Protein backbone atom coordinates (compact mmCIF):
# COMPACT_ATOMS: atom_id res chain seq x y z
CA MET A 1 -0.12 -0.06 0.02
CA LYS A 2 1.49 3.39 -1.28
CA THR A 3 1.09 5.78 1.66
CA LYS A 4 2.77 8.92 2.91
CA LEU A 5 2.29 9.05 7.24
CA TYR A 6 2.43 12.47 8.51
CA VAL A 7 1.87 11.50 12.02
CA GLN A 8 2.29 8.04 13.78
CA ASN A 9 2.64 7.80 17.18
CA ASP A 10 0.76 6.07 20.33
CA ARG A 11 -2.46 8.08 20.04
CA PHE A 12 -2.70 9.36 16.65
CA VAL A 13 -2.08 8.31 13.09
CA ALA A 14 -2.15 10.30 9.90
CA GLY A 15 -1.57 10.42 6.18
CA MET A 16 -2.28 10.06 2.69
CA THR A 17 -2.38 7.60 -0.25
CA LEU A 18 -0.55 7.70 -3.48
CA LYS A 19 -1.15 7.07 -6.67
CA ASP A 20 0.71 3.78 -7.80
CA LEU A 21 1.24 2.82 -11.43
CA ILE A 22 1.16 -0.65 -11.04
CA ALA A 23 -1.59 -0.95 -8.57
CA PRO A 24 -5.27 -1.75 -9.39
CA ASP A 25 -7.21 1.45 -10.45
CA GLU A 26 -3.49 2.96 -9.91
CA ASN A 27 -4.46 2.83 -6.07
CA ASN A 28 -7.56 5.22 -6.60
CA MET A 29 -9.47 5.72 -3.79
CA ALA A 30 -12.54 7.16 -4.38
CA LEU A 31 -15.85 5.15 -5.82
CA HIS A 32 -17.11 8.72 -7.73
CA VAL A 33 -14.39 8.84 -10.17
CA THR A 34 -14.26 4.92 -11.43
CA ASP A 35 -15.29 2.16 -13.54
CA HIS A 36 -13.94 -0.55 -11.35
CA PRO A 37 -15.90 0.08 -7.75
CA GLU A 38 -14.77 -3.20 -6.67
CA GLN A 39 -11.04 -2.35 -6.99
CA VAL A 40 -11.78 0.96 -5.07
CA ILE A 41 -13.14 -0.75 -2.46
CA ASN A 42 -10.36 -3.51 -2.36
CA ASN A 43 -7.71 -0.36 -2.11
CA ARG A 44 -9.76 0.79 0.53
CA LYS A 45 -9.34 -2.60 2.38
CA LYS A 46 -5.66 -2.76 1.73
CA LEU A 47 -5.41 0.44 3.22
CA ALA A 48 -7.20 -0.62 6.33
CA ASP A 49 -4.71 -3.71 6.82
CA PHE A 50 -2.40 -1.30 6.57
CA LEU A 51 -3.46 0.97 9.26
CA HIS A 52 -4.93 -2.11 11.25
CA VAL A 53 -8.18 -1.33 11.56
CA GLU A 54 -11.24 -2.62 9.54
CA LEU A 55 -12.65 -1.06 6.62
CA ASP A 56 -16.08 -0.66 8.82
CA GLN A 57 -13.98 1.83 11.17
CA PHE A 58 -13.71 4.79 8.23
CA VAL A 59 -15.93 7.16 7.66
CA CYS A 60 -16.29 8.88 4.26
CA ALA A 61 -18.34 12.17 2.95
CA ASN A 62 -19.81 12.90 -0.39
CA GLN A 63 -17.86 16.13 -1.09
CA THR A 64 -19.54 19.36 -2.67
CA HIS A 65 -16.94 21.73 -2.59
CA SER A 66 -18.84 23.19 0.26
CA ALA A 67 -18.17 24.89 3.89
CA ASN A 68 -20.12 22.13 5.55
CA PHE A 69 -18.80 20.12 8.41
CA ALA A 70 -20.26 17.17 10.04
CA LYS A 71 -19.40 15.79 13.46
CA VAL A 72 -18.73 12.13 13.64
CA THR A 73 -20.06 9.51 15.92
CA THR A 74 -19.65 5.91 16.74
CA ALA A 75 -23.28 5.37 15.09
CA ASP A 76 -21.25 6.69 11.69
CA LYS A 77 -18.40 4.12 10.98
CA GLY A 78 -18.54 2.20 7.70
CA ARG A 79 -20.81 5.22 6.12
CA GLY A 80 -19.40 5.50 2.56
CA THR A 81 -16.69 2.63 2.65
CA THR A 82 -18.27 0.39 0.07
CA SER A 83 -21.21 2.75 -1.31
CA LEU A 84 -22.06 6.57 -2.26
CA GLN A 85 -25.41 6.13 -1.18
CA ASP A 86 -24.89 5.94 2.53
CA ALA A 87 -22.09 8.77 2.93
CA ILE A 88 -22.84 11.62 4.45
CA GLN A 89 -23.58 13.82 2.32
CA ASN A 90 -22.73 17.46 0.98
CA THR A 91 -20.35 17.98 3.37
CA ASP A 92 -16.36 18.81 3.17
CA ALA A 93 -14.88 18.52 6.85
CA LEU A 94 -15.68 16.09 9.50
CA TYR A 95 -14.45 15.51 13.34
CA THR A 96 -14.74 13.39 16.24
CA ILE A 97 -14.23 13.10 19.77
CA GLU A 98 -14.55 9.38 19.33
CA PRO A 99 -11.57 6.94 19.15
CA ASN A 100 -10.90 3.87 16.28
CA ILE A 101 -12.56 5.93 13.74
CA VAL A 102 -11.01 6.82 10.26
CA LEU A 103 -11.98 10.02 9.01
CA SER A 104 -11.29 10.36 5.68
CA SER A 105 -10.92 12.92 2.83
CA PHE A 106 -10.68 12.70 -1.03
CA THR A 107 -8.26 14.89 -3.19
CA ALA A 108 -6.68 15.39 -6.74
CA ASP A 109 -4.92 19.06 -6.28
CA CYS A 110 -7.15 20.23 -3.78
CA VAL A 111 -5.75 20.83 -0.05
CA PRO A 112 -6.56 18.19 2.28
CA ILE A 113 -6.35 19.11 5.68
CA MET A 114 -5.68 16.75 8.74
CA PHE A 115 -5.60 17.77 12.55
CA TYR A 116 -6.00 16.48 16.21
CA HIS A 117 -6.19 18.27 19.41
CA VAL A 118 -4.55 16.03 22.24
CA LYS A 119 -6.45 17.61 25.23
CA CYS A 120 -9.70 17.55 23.81
CA GLY A 121 -9.20 13.91 21.95
CA LEU A 122 -10.27 15.44 19.32
CA ILE A 123 -9.39 14.60 15.31
CA GLY A 124 -10.68 15.66 11.95
CA VAL A 125 -10.27 16.15 8.32
CA VAL A 126 -11.08 18.59 5.46
CA HIS A 127 -11.09 19.09 1.54
CA SER A 128 -10.28 22.61 0.77
CA GLY A 129 -10.22 23.75 -3.10
CA TRP A 130 -10.01 26.87 -3.84
CA GLN A 131 -13.88 26.89 -3.52
CA GLY A 132 -13.74 25.88 -0.14
CA THR A 133 -11.01 28.22 0.56
CA VAL A 134 -12.67 31.42 -0.55
CA LYS A 135 -15.76 29.78 1.35
CA GLU A 136 -13.51 29.99 4.32
CA ILE A 137 -14.19 26.20 5.30
CA THR A 138 -11.08 25.64 7.71
CA ARG A 139 -11.30 29.06 9.51
CA LYS A 140 -15.19 27.92 10.14
CA LEU A 141 -14.74 24.54 11.03
CA PHE A 142 -11.79 25.63 14.06
CA HIS A 143 -14.22 28.79 15.08
CA HIS A 144 -17.03 26.07 16.09
CA LEU A 145 -14.43 23.83 17.79
CA VAL A 146 -13.01 26.66 19.56
CA LYS A 147 -16.30 28.08 20.48
CA GLU A 148 -18.57 24.66 20.77
CA GLU A 149 -16.24 22.25 21.45
CA ASN A 150 -14.18 24.45 24.08
CA CYS A 151 -10.75 23.44 22.05
CA ASN A 152 -7.78 25.99 22.82
CA PRO A 153 -6.54 26.72 19.57
CA GLU A 154 -2.87 26.45 21.05
CA GLY A 155 -3.34 22.72 21.64
CA PHE A 156 -4.20 21.99 18.05
CA PHE A 157 -1.63 20.28 15.02
CA VAL A 158 -2.43 20.58 11.52
CA TYR A 159 -0.90 18.88 8.81
CA ILE A 160 -1.68 20.15 5.13
CA GLY A 161 -1.21 17.86 2.78
CA SER A 162 -0.04 17.49 -0.78
CA ALA A 163 -1.71 19.93 -3.56
CA ILE A 164 -1.07 21.31 -6.59
CA ASN A 165 1.43 23.97 -5.94
CA GLN A 166 1.31 27.59 -6.67
CA GLU A 167 3.25 27.14 -10.23
CA LYS A 168 0.82 25.13 -11.43
CA PHE A 169 -1.97 26.43 -10.01
CA GLU A 170 -3.33 29.00 -12.62
CA VAL A 171 -6.66 30.64 -12.48
CA ASP A 172 -8.13 33.47 -14.22
CA GLU A 173 -9.42 37.08 -13.48
CA ASP A 174 -12.78 35.89 -11.65
CA VAL A 175 -11.19 32.99 -9.47
CA ASN A 176 -8.71 35.70 -8.28
CA LYS A 177 -11.20 38.07 -7.38
CA LYS A 178 -12.93 35.87 -5.09
CA PHE A 179 -9.46 35.19 -3.50
CA ALA A 180 -8.59 38.72 -3.25
CA ALA A 181 -11.94 39.66 -1.42
CA LEU A 182 -10.70 37.56 1.84
CA GLY A 183 -8.71 40.74 2.27
CA TYR A 184 -5.47 38.64 3.48
CA ALA A 185 -4.37 36.14 0.35
CA ASP A 186 -2.66 39.05 -1.75
CA GLU A 187 0.76 37.62 -0.50
CA PHE A 188 0.08 34.29 -1.64
CA ILE A 189 -1.13 35.31 -5.42
CA LYS A 190 1.00 35.74 -8.27
CA TYR A 191 0.27 37.41 -11.43
CA ASN A 192 2.13 36.05 -14.79
CA ALA A 193 1.54 39.24 -17.03
CA GLN A 194 2.65 36.74 -20.10
CA THR A 195 -0.49 34.74 -19.82
CA LYS A 196 -2.47 37.07 -18.15
CA LYS A 197 -3.20 34.48 -15.16
CA TYR A 198 -2.67 34.23 -11.77
CA HIS A 199 -1.19 31.78 -9.65
CA ILE A 200 -2.42 31.00 -6.37
CA ASP A 201 -1.07 29.16 -3.04
CA ASN A 202 -3.87 27.56 -1.90
CA GLN A 203 -2.04 25.67 0.92
CA LYS A 204 -0.30 28.84 2.19
CA ILE A 205 -3.67 30.53 2.10
CA VAL A 206 -5.06 27.50 4.31
CA LYS A 207 -2.33 27.93 6.58
CA LYS A 208 -2.97 31.44 6.87
CA GLN A 209 -6.50 30.85 8.04
CA CYS A 210 -5.47 28.43 10.44
CA GLU A 211 -3.39 30.93 11.81
CA MET A 212 -6.25 33.50 11.80
CA GLU A 213 -8.13 31.15 14.18
CA GLY A 214 -5.31 31.38 16.76
CA ILE A 215 -3.40 28.06 15.89
CA TRP A 216 0.29 28.34 16.41
CA SER A 217 2.14 28.81 12.99
CA ALA A 218 5.12 26.11 14.32
CA GLN A 219 2.42 23.53 14.49
CA ILE A 220 1.03 24.14 11.04
CA PHE A 221 2.89 21.25 8.75
CA ILE A 222 2.67 21.67 4.77
CA ASP A 223 3.64 19.19 2.72
CA SER A 224 5.00 21.06 -0.20
CA THR A 225 4.84 17.70 -2.73
CA CYS A 226 3.01 19.15 -6.11
CA THR A 227 0.20 16.60 -6.78
CA TYR A 228 0.59 17.80 -10.62
CA LYS A 229 3.99 17.52 -10.79
CA SER A 230 4.59 14.53 -8.87
CA ASP A 231 4.51 10.71 -10.08
CA ASP A 232 3.06 9.82 -6.83
CA GLY A 233 0.32 12.57 -7.24
CA PHE A 234 -3.58 12.35 -8.70
CA SER A 235 -3.99 15.46 -10.32
CA HIS A 236 -7.68 16.93 -11.84
CA ARG A 237 -5.80 19.45 -13.23
CA GLU A 238 -3.79 17.65 -15.70
CA ASN A 239 -6.40 14.62 -16.45
CA LYS A 240 -9.74 15.18 -15.42
CA GLY A 241 -10.72 11.34 -15.14
CA THR A 242 -7.86 10.93 -12.29
CA GLY A 243 -8.33 9.17 -9.27
CA ARG A 244 -8.25 10.58 -5.61
CA HIS A 245 -5.80 10.19 -2.92
CA LEU A 246 -7.53 9.56 0.62
CA SER A 247 -6.32 11.62 3.60
CA PHE A 248 -6.98 10.22 6.74
CA ILE A 249 -6.63 10.54 10.45
CA MET A 250 -7.80 8.55 13.53
CA ARG A 251 -7.18 8.52 17.44
CA LYS A 252 -6.41 5.43 18.66
């Protein structure tokens, strides 16, 4: 199982799967972008084996580039693992305070965020493509966790997984205006006068959003691997029919 781990200790494990040209369906983990759902389910089972858990401990959402998040409980175990129909609907971030639940997020250029809070025993994942970033899904979730779950922001550790980098993520004026309207993204936007395109560093804008909610910069980690340029990356911008990485986190 071709996987990258960001956290592996006695309490938490977090990481993301990688593209693998010799694996079935290239190690695609998403049921919504495959002609071979049985292969995707088998890939997920291999990930479960790698993590020494059962597949029905995973929880998946049907992501819609929203700013919606959901609190997961033990009753949600197994949702979305073998079928899109019972996944958590219209949701792009999940969190839980329950142990032995593997929260999942699917990306192919979008920014995956995995985080935990030791004192609160809380974990979460976020899918933040450019639409999620301009809708401030990450800020909204952390604001909720501080206010409603009583998590001190200084206790969060955040891992921003690999995504398309600034060089390859180019957009037109309409999308640039949405980022500019945030009021704090300008330093992460470059304009190419020759192509008349704007280049966005979505990962660093997400990091800024975390910092704005009180999370310490030293506890936010960015994987700079570009999903477009890396052989291990699924890139929707490069290939519209590509598979998806699965980013995961679990509290033991």
